[in-house]
Amino acid sequence: MPVGLADVQLMPTERTEHCGLAGPFTLIEKHDGRRMAYVEVQRDSRLHTDWAVVRDVEEQYGIRL
């Protein structure tokens, strides 16, 4: 089983807007298929485990795991 795999999405520097500018985020898919989203926002960092919330974060950032 591979360990330490990651996908990185880079945005061109000429972009003036992107959802990630609100703060860093990490989308996680566990070996059992469960997905989580860790979103860091000033004074309100959260780990989301609810499927609907994680799906919304994935769609907001244009990422599908």
PDB file of N, CA and C in Angstrom:
ATOM      1  N   MET A   1       0.848  -1.172   0.000  1.00  0.00           N
ATOM      2  CA  MET A   1       0.000   0.000   0.000  1.00  0.00           C
ATOM      3  C   MET A   1       0.898   1.240   0.000  1.00  0.00           C
ATOM      4  N   PRO A   2       0.711   2.170  -0.942  1.00  0.00           N
ATOM      5  CA  PRO A   2       1.528   3.391  -0.992  1.00  0.00           C
ATOM      6  C   PRO A   2       1.293   4.269   0.232  1.00  0.00           C
ATOM      7  N   VAL A   3       2.345   4.900   0.692  1.00  0.00           N
ATOM      8  CA  VAL A   3       2.257   5.801   1.840  1.00  0.00           C
ATOM      9  C   VAL A   3       2.828   7.150   1.421  1.00  0.00           C
ATOM     10  N   GLY A   4       2.193   8.225   1.880  1.00  0.00           N
ATOM     11  CA  GLY A   4       2.729   9.558   1.628  1.00  0.00           C
ATOM     12  C   GLY A   4       2.358  10.148   0.285  1.00  0.00           C
ATOM     13  N   LEU A   5       1.283   9.685  -0.332  1.00  0.00           N
ATOM     14  CA  LEU A   5       0.852  10.254  -1.599  1.00  0.00           C
ATOM     15  C   LEU A   5       0.063  11.529  -1.362  1.00  0.00           C
ATOM     16  N   ALA A   6       0.258  12.524  -2.217  1.00  0.00           N
ATOM     17  CA  ALA A   6      -0.463  13.790  -2.089  1.00  0.00           C
ATOM     18  C   ALA A   6      -0.663  14.398  -3.461  1.00  0.00           C
ATOM     19  N   ASP A   7      -1.775  15.080  -3.643  1.00  0.00           N
ATOM     20  CA  ASP A   7      -2.032  15.877  -4.832  1.00  0.00           C
ATOM     21  C   ASP A   7      -1.923  17.334  -4.433  1.00  0.00           C
ATOM     22  N   VAL A   8      -1.227  18.115  -5.233  1.00  0.00           N
ATOM     23  CA  VAL A   8      -1.050  19.533  -4.948  1.00  0.00           C
ATOM     24  C   VAL A   8      -1.639  20.316  -6.111  1.00  0.00           C
ATOM     25  N   GLN A   9      -2.459  21.304  -5.807  1.00  0.00           N
ATOM     26  CA  GLN A   9      -3.056  22.150  -6.836  1.00  0.00           C
ATOM     27  C   GLN A   9      -2.421  23.537  -6.718  1.00  0.00           C
ATOM     28  N   LEU A  10      -1.794  23.977  -7.783  1.00  0.00           N
ATOM     29  CA  LEU A  10      -1.164  25.296  -7.809  1.00  0.00           C
ATOM     30  C   LEU A  10      -2.007  26.247  -8.644  1.00  0.00           C
ATOM     31  N   MET A  11      -2.108  27.473  -8.182  1.00  0.00           N
ATOM     32  CA  MET A  11      -2.871  28.480  -8.908  1.00  0.00           C
ATOM     33  C   MET A  11      -1.903  29.459  -9.556  1.00  0.00           C
ATOM     34  N   PRO A  12      -2.192  29.878 -10.789  1.00  0.00           N
ATOM     35  CA  PRO A  12      -1.328  30.862 -11.447  1.00  0.00           C
ATOM     36  C   PRO A  12      -1.268  32.151 -10.629  1.00  0.00           C
ATOM     37  N   THR A  13      -0.107  32.809 -10.638  1.00  0.00           N
ATOM     38  CA  THR A  13       0.056  34.026  -9.847  1.00  0.00           C
ATOM     39  C   THR A  13      -0.780  35.182 -10.369  1.00  0.00           C
ATOM     40  N   GLU A  14      -1.200  35.127 -11.631  1.00  0.00           N
ATOM     41  CA  GLU A  14      -2.018  36.225 -12.159  1.00  0.00           C
ATOM     42  C   GLU A  14      -3.485  36.129 -11.739  1.00  0.00           C
ATOM     43  N   ARG A  15      -3.876  35.048 -11.056  1.00  0.00           N
ATOM     44  CA  ARG A  15      -5.253  34.928 -10.554  1.00  0.00           C
ATOM     45  C   ARG A  15      -5.459  35.913  -9.422  1.00  0.00           C
ATOM     46  N   THR A  16      -6.555  36.662  -9.467  1.00  0.00           N
ATOM     47  CA  THR A  16      -6.840  37.615  -8.393  1.00  0.00           C
ATOM     48  C   THR A  16      -7.772  37.031  -7.343  1.00  0.00           C
ATOM     49  N   GLU A  17      -8.518  35.989  -7.689  1.00  0.00           N
ATOM     50  CA  GLU A  17      -9.449  35.380  -6.738  1.00  0.00           C
ATOM     51  C   GLU A  17      -9.344  33.870  -6.792  1.00  0.00           C
ATOM     52  N   HIS A  18      -9.458  33.270  -5.635  1.00  0.00           N
ATOM     53  CA  HIS A  18      -9.536  31.812  -5.530  1.00  0.00           C
ATOM     54  C   HIS A  18     -10.027  31.499  -4.132  1.00  0.00           C
ATOM     55  N   CYS A  19     -10.835  30.467  -4.002  1.00  0.00           N
ATOM     56  CA  CYS A  19     -11.393  30.109  -2.692  1.00  0.00           C
ATOM     57  C   CYS A  19     -10.316  29.872  -1.646  1.00  0.00           C
ATOM     58  N   GLY A  20      -9.153  29.379  -2.068  1.00  0.00           N
ATOM     59  CA  GLY A  20      -8.073  29.095  -1.132  1.00  0.00           C
ATOM     60  C   GLY A  20      -7.458  30.325  -0.506  1.00  0.00           C
ATOM     61  N   LEU A  21      -7.761  31.499  -1.039  1.00  0.00           N
ATOM     62  CA  LEU A  21      -7.216  32.717  -0.447  1.00  0.00           C
ATOM     63  C   LEU A  21      -7.814  33.005   0.923  1.00  0.00           C
ATOM     64  N   ALA A  22      -8.926  32.359   1.256  1.00  0.00           N
ATOM     65  CA  ALA A  22      -9.538  32.540   2.567  1.00  0.00           C
ATOM     66  C   ALA A  22      -8.714  31.870   3.658  1.00  0.00           C
ATOM     67  N   GLY A  23      -7.832  30.954   3.271  1.00  0.00           N
ATOM     68  CA  GLY A  23      -6.991  30.250   4.230  1.00  0.00           C
ATOM     69  C   GLY A  23      -6.679  28.857   3.726  1.00  0.00           C
ATOM     70  N   PRO A  24      -5.695  28.210   4.345  1.00  0.00           N
ATOM     71  CA  PRO A  24      -5.312  26.876   3.899  1.00  0.00           C
ATOM     72  C   PRO A  24      -6.387  25.847   4.205  1.00  0.00           C
ATOM     73  N   PHE A  25      -6.379  24.773   3.426  1.00  0.00           N
ATOM     74  CA  PHE A  25      -7.322  23.687   3.642  1.00  0.00           C
ATOM     75  C   PHE A  25      -6.648  22.385   3.249  1.00  0.00           C
ATOM     76  N   THR A  26      -7.120  21.295   3.817  1.00  0.00           N
ATOM     77  CA  THR A  26      -6.600  19.971   3.499  1.00  0.00           C
ATOM     78  C   THR A  26      -7.781  19.036   3.318  1.00  0.00           C
ATOM     79  N   LEU A  27      -7.823  18.351   2.176  1.00  0.00           N
ATOM     80  CA  LEU A  27      -8.840  17.336   1.938  1.00  0.00           C
ATOM     81  C   LEU A  27      -8.183  15.980   2.142  1.00  0.00           C
ATOM     82  N   ILE A  28      -8.827  15.124   2.919  1.00  0.00           N
ATOM     83  CA  ILE A  28      -8.246  13.849   3.320  1.00  0.00           C
ATOM     84  C   ILE A  28      -9.192  12.728   2.937  1.00  0.00           C
ATOM     85  N   GLU A  29      -8.636  11.676   2.336  1.00  0.00           N
ATOM     86  CA  GLU A  29      -9.416  10.463   2.094  1.00  0.00           C
ATOM     87  C   GLU A  29      -8.694   9.326   2.803  1.00  0.00           C
ATOM     88  N   LYS A  30      -9.403   8.680   3.738  1.00  0.00           N
ATOM     89  CA  LYS A  30      -8.805   7.599   4.516  1.00  0.00           C
ATOM     90  C   LYS A  30      -8.857   6.297   3.725  1.00  0.00           C
ATOM     91  N   HIS A  31      -8.106   5.310   4.200  1.00  0.00           N
ATOM     92  CA  HIS A  31      -8.038   4.022   3.518  1.00  0.00           C
ATOM     93  C   HIS A  31      -9.414   3.351   3.409  1.00  0.00           C
ATOM     94  N   ASP A  32     -10.298   3.624   4.359  1.00  0.00           N
ATOM     95  CA  ASP A  32     -11.628   3.015   4.327  1.00  0.00           C
ATOM     96  C   ASP A  32     -12.611   3.810   3.464  1.00  0.00           C
ATOM     97  N   GLY A  33     -12.126   4.866   2.786  1.00  0.00           N
ATOM     98  CA  GLY A  33     -12.982   5.643   1.885  1.00  0.00           C
ATOM     99  C   GLY A  33     -13.618   6.868   2.521  1.00  0.00           C
ATOM    100  N   ARG A  34     -13.540   6.991   3.851  1.00  0.00           N
ATOM    101  CA  ARG A  34     -14.108   8.178   4.497  1.00  0.00           C
ATOM    102  C   ARG A  34     -13.300   9.398   4.116  1.00  0.00           C
ATOM    103  N   ARG A  35     -14.005  10.512   3.918  1.00  0.00           N
ATOM    104  CA  ARG A  35     -13.330  11.758   3.541  1.00  0.00           C
ATOM    105  C   ARG A  35     -13.567  12.822   4.602  1.00  0.00           C
ATOM    106  N   MET A  36     -12.549  13.667   4.768  1.00  0.00           N
ATOM    107  CA  MET A  36     -12.607  14.743   5.743  1.00  0.00           C
ATOM    108  C   MET A  36     -12.029  15.994   5.109  1.00  0.00           C
ATOM    109  N   ALA A  37     -12.411  17.132   5.655  1.00  0.00           N
ATOM    110  CA  ALA A  37     -11.859  18.404   5.195  1.00  0.00           C
ATOM    111  C   ALA A  37     -11.433  19.212   6.417  1.00  0.00           C
ATOM    112  N   TYR A  38     -10.155  19.610   6.439  1.00  0.00           N
ATOM    113  CA  TYR A  38      -9.657  20.475   7.502  1.00  0.00           C
ATOM    114  C   TYR A  38      -9.473  21.852   6.893  1.00  0.00           C
ATOM    115  N   VAL A  39     -10.236  22.814   7.396  1.00  0.00           N
ATOM    116  CA  VAL A  39     -10.235  24.169   6.851  1.00  0.00           C
ATOM    117  C   VAL A  39      -9.731  25.114   7.937  1.00  0.00           C
ATOM    118  N   GLU A  40      -8.680  25.885   7.603  1.00  0.00           N
ATOM    119  CA  GLU A  40      -8.109  26.840   8.545  1.00  0.00           C
ATOM    120  C   GLU A  40      -8.549  28.246   8.173  1.00  0.00           C
ATOM    121  N   VAL A  41      -9.324  28.851   9.050  1.00  0.00           N
ATOM    122  CA  VAL A  41      -9.761  30.225   8.879  1.00  0.00           C
ATOM    123  C   VAL A  41      -9.489  30.932  10.199  1.00  0.00           C
ATOM    124  N   GLN A  42      -9.114  32.178  10.135  1.00  0.00           N
ATOM    125  CA  GLN A  42      -8.771  32.901  11.357  1.00  0.00           C
ATOM    126  C   GLN A  42      -9.868  32.766  12.399  1.00  0.00           C
ATOM    127  N   ARG A  43      -9.497  32.292  13.574  1.00  0.00           N
ATOM    128  CA  ARG A  43     -10.377  32.093  14.732  1.00  0.00           C
ATOM    129  C   ARG A  43     -11.420  30.994  14.550  1.00  0.00           C
ATOM    130  N   ASP A  44     -11.384  30.223  13.458  1.00  0.00           N
ATOM    131  CA  ASP A  44     -12.437  29.225  13.244  1.00  0.00           C
ATOM    132  C   ASP A  44     -11.946  28.038  12.420  1.00  0.00           C
ATOM    133  N   SER A  45     -10.825  27.432  12.772  1.00  0.00           N
ATOM    134  CA  SER A  45     -10.343  26.248  12.067  1.00  0.00           C
ATOM    135  C   SER A  45     -11.174  25.043  12.483  1.00  0.00           C
ATOM    136  N   ARG A  46     -11.511  24.183  11.481  1.00  0.00           N
ATOM    137  CA  ARG A  46     -12.399  23.058  11.774  1.00  0.00           C
ATOM    138  C   ARG A  46     -12.021  21.823  10.974  1.00  0.00           C
ATOM    139  N   LEU A  47     -12.304  20.655  11.556  1.00  0.00           N
ATOM    140  CA  LEU A  47     -12.199  19.395  10.856  1.00  0.00           C
ATOM    141  C   LEU A  47     -13.619  18.935  10.567  1.00  0.00           C
ATOM    142  N   HIS A  48     -13.983  18.895   9.302  1.00  0.00           N
ATOM    143  CA  HIS A  48     -15.332  18.486   8.894  1.00  0.00           C
ATOM    144  C   HIS A  48     -15.312  17.015   8.516  1.00  0.00           C
ATOM    145  N   THR A  49     -16.252  16.252   9.073  1.00  0.00           N
ATOM    146  CA  THR A  49     -16.358  14.833   8.753  1.00  0.00           C
ATOM    147  C   THR A  49     -17.704  14.474   8.153  1.00  0.00           C
ATOM    148  N   ASP A  50     -18.678  15.370   8.237  1.00  0.00           N
ATOM    149  CA  ASP A  50     -19.991  15.129   7.662  1.00  0.00           C
ATOM    150  C   ASP A  50     -19.889  15.092   6.131  1.00  0.00           C
ATOM    151  N   TRP A  51     -20.438  14.040   5.505  1.00  0.00           N
ATOM    152  CA  TRP A  51     -20.308  13.838   4.062  1.00  0.00           C
ATOM    153  C   TRP A  51     -20.756  15.059   3.272  1.00  0.00           C
ATOM    154  N   ALA A  52     -21.892  15.633   3.614  1.00  0.00           N
ATOM    155  CA  ALA A  52     -22.432  16.768   2.854  1.00  0.00           C
ATOM    156  C   ALA A  52     -21.519  17.985   2.953  1.00  0.00           C
ATOM    157  N   VAL A  53     -20.971  18.234   4.117  1.00  0.00           N
ATOM    158  CA  VAL A  53     -20.071  19.379   4.303  1.00  0.00           C
ATOM    159  C   VAL A  53     -18.777  19.162   3.524  1.00  0.00           C
ATOM    160  N   VAL A  54     -18.217  17.957   3.619  1.00  0.00           N
ATOM    161  CA  VAL A  54     -16.981  17.650   2.893  1.00  0.00           C
ATOM    162  C   VAL A  54     -17.208  17.793   1.390  1.00  0.00           C
ATOM    163  N   ARG A  55     -18.331  17.314   0.904  1.00  0.00           N
ATOM    164  CA  ARG A  55     -18.649  17.418  -0.522  1.00  0.00           C
ATOM    165  C   ARG A  55     -18.746  18.886  -0.936  1.00  0.00           C
ATOM    166  N   ASP A  56     -19.355  19.715  -0.116  1.00  0.00           N
ATOM    167  CA  ASP A  56     -19.445  21.151  -0.414  1.00  0.00           C
ATOM    168  C   ASP A  56     -18.056  21.785  -0.507  1.00  0.00           C
ATOM    169  N   VAL A  57     -17.167  21.403   0.399  1.00  0.00           N
ATOM    170  CA  VAL A  57     -15.803  21.948   0.366  1.00  0.00           C
ATOM    171  C   VAL A  57     -15.103  21.495  -0.901  1.00  0.00           C
ATOM    172  N   GLU A  58     -15.251  20.230  -1.277  1.00  0.00           N
ATOM    173  CA  GLU A  58     -14.642  19.709  -2.497  1.00  0.00           C
ATOM    174  C   GLU A  58     -15.136  20.480  -3.719  1.00  0.00           C
ATOM    175  N   GLU A  59     -16.439  20.717  -3.779  1.00  0.00           N
ATOM    176  CA  GLU A  59     -17.006  21.451  -4.920  1.00  0.00           C
ATOM    177  C   GLU A  59     -16.570  22.900  -4.924  1.00  0.00           C
ATOM    178  N   GLN A  60     -16.499  23.525  -3.746  1.00  0.00           N
ATOM    179  CA  GLN A  60     -16.089  24.928  -3.658  1.00  0.00           C
ATOM    180  C   GLN A  60     -14.681  25.118  -4.200  1.00  0.00           C
ATOM    181  N   TYR A  61     -13.801  24.151  -3.900  1.00  0.00           N
ATOM    182  CA  TYR A  61     -12.419  24.268  -4.339  1.00  0.00           C
ATOM    183  C   TYR A  61     -12.171  23.571  -5.671  1.00  0.00           C
ATOM    184  N   GLY A  62     -13.213  23.012  -6.281  1.00  0.00           N
ATOM    185  CA  GLY A  62     -13.066  22.384  -7.596  1.00  0.00           C
ATOM    186  C   GLY A  62     -12.244  21.123  -7.573  1.00  0.00           C
ATOM    187  N   ILE A  63     -12.337  20.379  -6.488  1.00  0.00           N
ATOM    188  CA  ILE A  63     -11.528  19.162  -6.341  1.00  0.00           C
ATOM    189  C   ILE A  63     -12.459  17.984  -6.104  1.00  0.00           C
ATOM    190  N   ARG A  64     -12.166  16.903  -6.778  1.00  0.00           N
ATOM    191  CA  ARG A  64     -12.914  15.671  -6.548  1.00  0.00           C
ATOM    192  C   ARG A  64     -11.926  14.569  -6.219  1.00  0.00           C
ATOM    193  N   LEU A  65     -12.093  13.956  -5.053  1.00  0.00           N
ATOM    194  CA  LEU A  65     -11.200  12.868  -4.656  1.00  0.00           C
ATOM    195  C   LEU A  65     -11.694  11.568  -5.242  1.00  0.00           C
TER     196      LEU A  65
END
